[in-house]
Amino acid sequence: MSLFLEVHELNGRGAEACVQARSAQAPPGVRFLRHWFGDEGRKVALLVEAPDEETLRTCAGGAKEVTELFAPAERWMSCDSIDMA
């Protein structure tokens, strides 16, 4: 399993609704561990455990608001907040 940070541009969609929707559509083996809100609720970052990037992108479907997806640096694992300005 690998850790990824998935960043969403919400474009009018609620941040909590985005987190709930992504968690609800997670296939077996994909776990959403933490999330952070930023930029006045217009962005959300999700810390996700998944087998690989392909699986994570597949479960995102056509979610156009996924703007970044990358493996996070170790220092982010213990952060209480992320500056997404």
N, C-alpha and C. Protein backbone atom coordinates (compact mmCIF):
# COMPACT_ATOMS: atom_id res chain seq x y z
N MET A 1 0.84 -1.19 0.00
CA MET A 1 0.00 0.00 0.00
C MET A 1 0.87 1.24 0.00
N SER A 2 0.39 2.26 -0.68
CA SER A 2 1.11 3.53 -0.76
C SER A 2 0.20 4.65 -0.26
N LEU A 3 0.83 5.73 0.18
CA LEU A 3 0.08 6.91 0.60
C LEU A 3 0.12 7.95 -0.50
N PHE A 4 -1.01 8.62 -0.69
CA PHE A 4 -1.13 9.67 -1.69
C PHE A 4 -1.83 10.86 -1.07
N LEU A 5 -1.54 12.03 -1.60
CA LEU A 5 -2.26 13.23 -1.23
C LEU A 5 -3.04 13.66 -2.47
N GLU A 6 -4.34 13.71 -2.33
CA GLU A 6 -5.24 14.05 -3.44
C GLU A 6 -5.82 15.42 -3.15
N VAL A 7 -5.61 16.38 -4.04
CA VAL A 7 -6.09 17.74 -3.83
C VAL A 7 -7.23 18.01 -4.82
N HIS A 8 -8.33 18.54 -4.29
CA HIS A 8 -9.51 18.84 -5.10
C HIS A 8 -9.78 20.33 -5.14
N GLU A 9 -10.05 20.87 -6.31
CA GLU A 9 -10.61 22.21 -6.49
C GLU A 9 -12.11 22.00 -6.52
N LEU A 10 -12.85 22.61 -5.61
CA LEU A 10 -14.25 22.26 -5.43
C LEU A 10 -15.22 22.97 -6.36
N ASN A 11 -14.90 24.15 -6.84
CA ASN A 11 -15.77 24.86 -7.79
C ASN A 11 -17.24 24.88 -7.37
N GLY A 12 -17.47 25.35 -6.16
CA GLY A 12 -18.83 25.50 -5.67
C GLY A 12 -19.37 24.31 -4.90
N ARG A 13 -18.72 23.19 -4.95
CA ARG A 13 -19.15 22.00 -4.23
C ARG A 13 -18.66 22.10 -2.79
N GLY A 14 -19.44 21.67 -1.83
CA GLY A 14 -19.06 21.75 -0.42
C GLY A 14 -17.90 20.83 -0.09
N ALA A 15 -17.00 21.30 0.76
CA ALA A 15 -15.82 20.53 1.13
C ALA A 15 -16.20 19.24 1.86
N GLU A 16 -17.12 19.32 2.81
CA GLU A 16 -17.55 18.12 3.53
C GLU A 16 -18.21 17.12 2.58
N ALA A 17 -19.01 17.62 1.65
CA ALA A 17 -19.68 16.75 0.68
C ALA A 17 -18.66 16.03 -0.19
N CYS A 18 -17.59 16.72 -0.54
CA CYS A 18 -16.53 16.12 -1.35
C CYS A 18 -15.87 14.98 -0.59
N VAL A 19 -15.54 15.21 0.67
CA VAL A 19 -14.89 14.17 1.49
C VAL A 19 -15.82 12.97 1.64
N GLN A 20 -17.09 13.21 1.92
CA GLN A 20 -18.04 12.12 2.08
C GLN A 20 -18.22 11.33 0.78
N ALA A 21 -18.31 12.04 -0.34
CA ALA A 21 -18.51 11.37 -1.63
C ALA A 21 -17.30 10.51 -1.99
N ARG A 22 -16.09 11.04 -1.78
CA ARG A 22 -14.89 10.28 -2.12
C ARG A 22 -14.78 9.04 -1.23
N SER A 23 -15.09 9.18 0.05
CA SER A 23 -15.03 8.04 0.97
C SER A 23 -16.06 6.98 0.60
N ALA A 24 -17.25 7.41 0.20
CA ALA A 24 -18.33 6.48 -0.13
C ALA A 24 -18.03 5.66 -1.39
N GLN A 25 -17.28 6.24 -2.33
CA GLN A 25 -17.01 5.53 -3.58
C GLN A 25 -15.67 4.78 -3.58
N ALA A 26 -15.07 4.65 -2.41
CA ALA A 26 -13.77 3.97 -2.32
C ALA A 26 -13.92 2.46 -2.53
N PRO A 27 -13.17 1.90 -3.46
CA PRO A 27 -13.22 0.44 -3.65
C PRO A 27 -12.43 -0.26 -2.55
N PRO A 28 -12.53 -1.58 -2.47
CA PRO A 28 -11.74 -2.31 -1.47
C PRO A 28 -10.25 -2.00 -1.64
N GLY A 29 -9.58 -1.80 -0.52
CA GLY A 29 -8.15 -1.51 -0.56
C GLY A 29 -7.81 -0.03 -0.57
N VAL A 30 -8.80 0.84 -0.71
CA VAL A 30 -8.56 2.29 -0.70
C VAL A 30 -9.18 2.85 0.58
N ARG A 31 -8.35 3.53 1.36
CA ARG A 31 -8.82 4.12 2.63
C ARG A 31 -8.48 5.60 2.67
N PHE A 32 -9.46 6.42 2.99
CA PHE A 32 -9.24 7.85 3.16
C PHE A 32 -8.95 8.08 4.63
N LEU A 33 -7.73 8.53 4.94
CA LEU A 33 -7.23 8.58 6.31
C LEU A 33 -7.45 9.92 7.00
N ARG A 34 -7.17 11.00 6.30
CA ARG A 34 -7.31 12.35 6.87
C ARG A 34 -7.69 13.31 5.77
N HIS A 35 -8.17 14.46 6.16
CA HIS A 35 -8.44 15.50 5.18
C HIS A 35 -8.20 16.88 5.81
N TRP A 36 -7.89 17.82 4.94
CA TRP A 36 -7.66 19.20 5.34
C TRP A 36 -8.41 20.10 4.39
N PHE A 37 -9.01 21.17 4.92
CA PHE A 37 -9.70 22.15 4.10
C PHE A 37 -8.82 23.39 3.98
N GLY A 38 -8.87 24.04 2.85
CA GLY A 38 -8.08 25.25 2.65
C GLY A 38 -8.74 26.19 1.68
N ASP A 39 -8.13 27.35 1.53
CA ASP A 39 -8.56 28.36 0.56
C ASP A 39 -10.05 28.66 0.70
N GLU A 40 -10.47 28.98 1.92
CA GLU A 40 -11.85 29.34 2.23
C GLU A 40 -12.85 28.28 1.77
N GLY A 41 -12.50 27.02 1.94
CA GLY A 41 -13.39 25.93 1.60
C GLY A 41 -13.46 25.58 0.13
N ARG A 42 -12.60 26.18 -0.68
CA ARG A 42 -12.62 25.88 -2.12
C ARG A 42 -11.66 24.76 -2.50
N LYS A 43 -10.85 24.31 -1.54
CA LYS A 43 -9.93 23.20 -1.78
C LYS A 43 -10.02 22.22 -0.63
N VAL A 44 -9.78 20.97 -0.93
CA VAL A 44 -9.68 19.95 0.11
C VAL A 44 -8.55 19.01 -0.28
N ALA A 45 -7.73 18.63 0.70
CA ALA A 45 -6.65 17.67 0.49
C ALA A 45 -7.00 16.42 1.28
N LEU A 46 -6.86 15.27 0.64
CA LEU A 46 -7.19 13.99 1.26
C LEU A 46 -5.95 13.12 1.31
N LEU A 47 -5.64 12.60 2.48
CA LEU A 47 -4.56 11.64 2.62
C LEU A 47 -5.19 10.27 2.42
N VAL A 48 -4.70 9.55 1.41
CA VAL A 48 -5.33 8.30 0.99
C VAL A 48 -4.32 7.18 0.95
N GLU A 49 -4.73 6.01 1.43
CA GLU A 49 -3.93 4.81 1.31
C GLU A 49 -4.55 3.98 0.18
N ALA A 50 -3.72 3.62 -0.80
CA ALA A 50 -4.21 2.87 -1.96
C ALA A 50 -3.11 1.97 -2.48
N PRO A 51 -3.48 0.90 -3.19
CA PRO A 51 -2.46 0.00 -3.73
C PRO A 51 -1.53 0.70 -4.72
N ASP A 52 -2.10 1.60 -5.53
CA ASP A 52 -1.31 2.32 -6.53
C ASP A 52 -2.10 3.52 -7.06
N GLU A 53 -1.44 4.36 -7.82
CA GLU A 53 -2.06 5.57 -8.35
C GLU A 53 -3.20 5.23 -9.31
N GLU A 54 -3.02 4.20 -10.11
CA GLU A 54 -4.06 3.79 -11.07
C GLU A 54 -5.38 3.48 -10.36
N THR A 55 -5.32 2.73 -9.27
CA THR A 55 -6.53 2.38 -8.51
C THR A 55 -7.20 3.64 -7.98
N LEU A 56 -6.41 4.57 -7.49
CA LEU A 56 -6.96 5.79 -6.93
C LEU A 56 -7.61 6.64 -8.01
N ARG A 57 -6.97 6.77 -9.15
CA ARG A 57 -7.56 7.54 -10.26
C ARG A 57 -8.83 6.87 -10.78
N THR A 58 -8.84 5.56 -10.82
CA THR A 58 -10.03 4.83 -11.30
C THR A 58 -11.21 5.08 -10.37
N CYS A 59 -10.98 5.05 -9.07
CA CYS A 59 -12.11 5.26 -8.15
C CYS A 59 -12.54 6.73 -8.13
N ALA A 60 -11.71 7.63 -8.64
CA ALA A 60 -12.10 9.04 -8.74
C ALA A 60 -13.07 9.24 -9.90
N GLY A 61 -13.10 8.27 -10.82
CA GLY A 61 -14.00 8.38 -11.97
C GLY A 61 -13.67 9.61 -12.77
N GLY A 62 -14.68 10.36 -13.11
CA GLY A 62 -14.48 11.57 -13.90
C GLY A 62 -14.39 12.82 -13.06
N ALA A 63 -13.99 12.69 -11.82
CA ALA A 63 -13.93 13.86 -10.92
C ALA A 63 -12.94 14.88 -11.45
N LYS A 64 -13.44 15.89 -12.12
CA LYS A 64 -12.58 16.90 -12.74
C LYS A 64 -11.91 17.79 -11.71
N GLU A 65 -12.46 17.82 -10.48
CA GLU A 65 -11.87 18.69 -9.47
C GLU A 65 -10.59 18.14 -8.86
N VAL A 66 -10.20 16.89 -9.20
CA VAL A 66 -8.92 16.37 -8.72
C VAL A 66 -7.83 17.10 -9.48
N THR A 67 -7.14 18.01 -8.81
CA THR A 67 -6.15 18.83 -9.49
C THR A 67 -4.72 18.34 -9.28
N GLU A 68 -4.50 17.63 -8.19
CA GLU A 68 -3.16 17.10 -7.91
C GLU A 68 -3.30 15.75 -7.23
N LEU A 69 -2.38 14.86 -7.55
CA LEU A 69 -2.33 13.57 -6.90
C LEU A 69 -0.87 13.16 -6.83
N PHE A 70 -0.34 13.04 -5.63
CA PHE A 70 1.06 12.68 -5.48
C PHE A 70 1.32 12.02 -4.15
N ALA A 71 2.42 11.30 -4.07
CA ALA A 71 2.84 10.67 -2.82
C ALA A 71 3.41 11.76 -1.92
N PRO A 72 2.90 11.90 -0.70
CA PRO A 72 3.34 12.99 0.17
C PRO A 72 4.69 12.74 0.83
N ALA A 73 5.33 13.82 1.17
CA ALA A 73 6.58 13.74 1.92
C ALA A 73 6.28 13.26 3.34
N GLU A 74 7.20 12.61 3.97
CA GLU A 74 7.00 12.06 5.32
C GLU A 74 6.54 13.12 6.31
N ARG A 75 7.00 14.35 6.17
CA ARG A 75 6.67 15.38 7.16
C ARG A 75 5.18 15.70 7.19
N TRP A 76 4.45 15.43 6.13
CA TRP A 76 3.03 15.74 6.10
C TRP A 76 2.22 14.78 6.94
N MET A 77 2.74 13.62 7.22
CA MET A 77 1.97 12.61 7.94
C MET A 77 1.59 13.07 9.34
N SER A 78 2.37 13.93 9.94
CA SER A 78 2.09 14.36 11.31
C SER A 78 1.55 15.78 11.37
N CYS A 79 1.24 16.39 10.23
CA CYS A 79 0.72 17.77 10.21
C CYS A 79 -0.72 17.84 10.70
N ASP A 80 -1.02 18.90 11.39
CA ASP A 80 -2.41 19.17 11.76
C ASP A 80 -3.08 20.03 10.73
N SER A 81 -2.29 20.74 9.91
CA SER A 81 -2.87 21.58 8.86
C SER A 81 -1.87 21.71 7.71
N ILE A 82 -2.40 22.03 6.57
CA ILE A 82 -1.59 22.24 5.37
C ILE A 82 -2.00 23.59 4.79
N ASP A 83 -1.05 24.43 4.49
CA ASP A 83 -1.34 25.72 3.87
C ASP A 83 -1.53 25.49 2.39
N MET A 84 -2.76 25.65 1.91
CA MET A 84 -3.06 25.42 0.49
C MET A 84 -3.39 26.73 -0.21
N ALA A 85 -2.86 27.83 0.28
CA ALA A 85 -3.15 29.13 -0.32
C ALA A 85 -2.47 29.29 -1.65
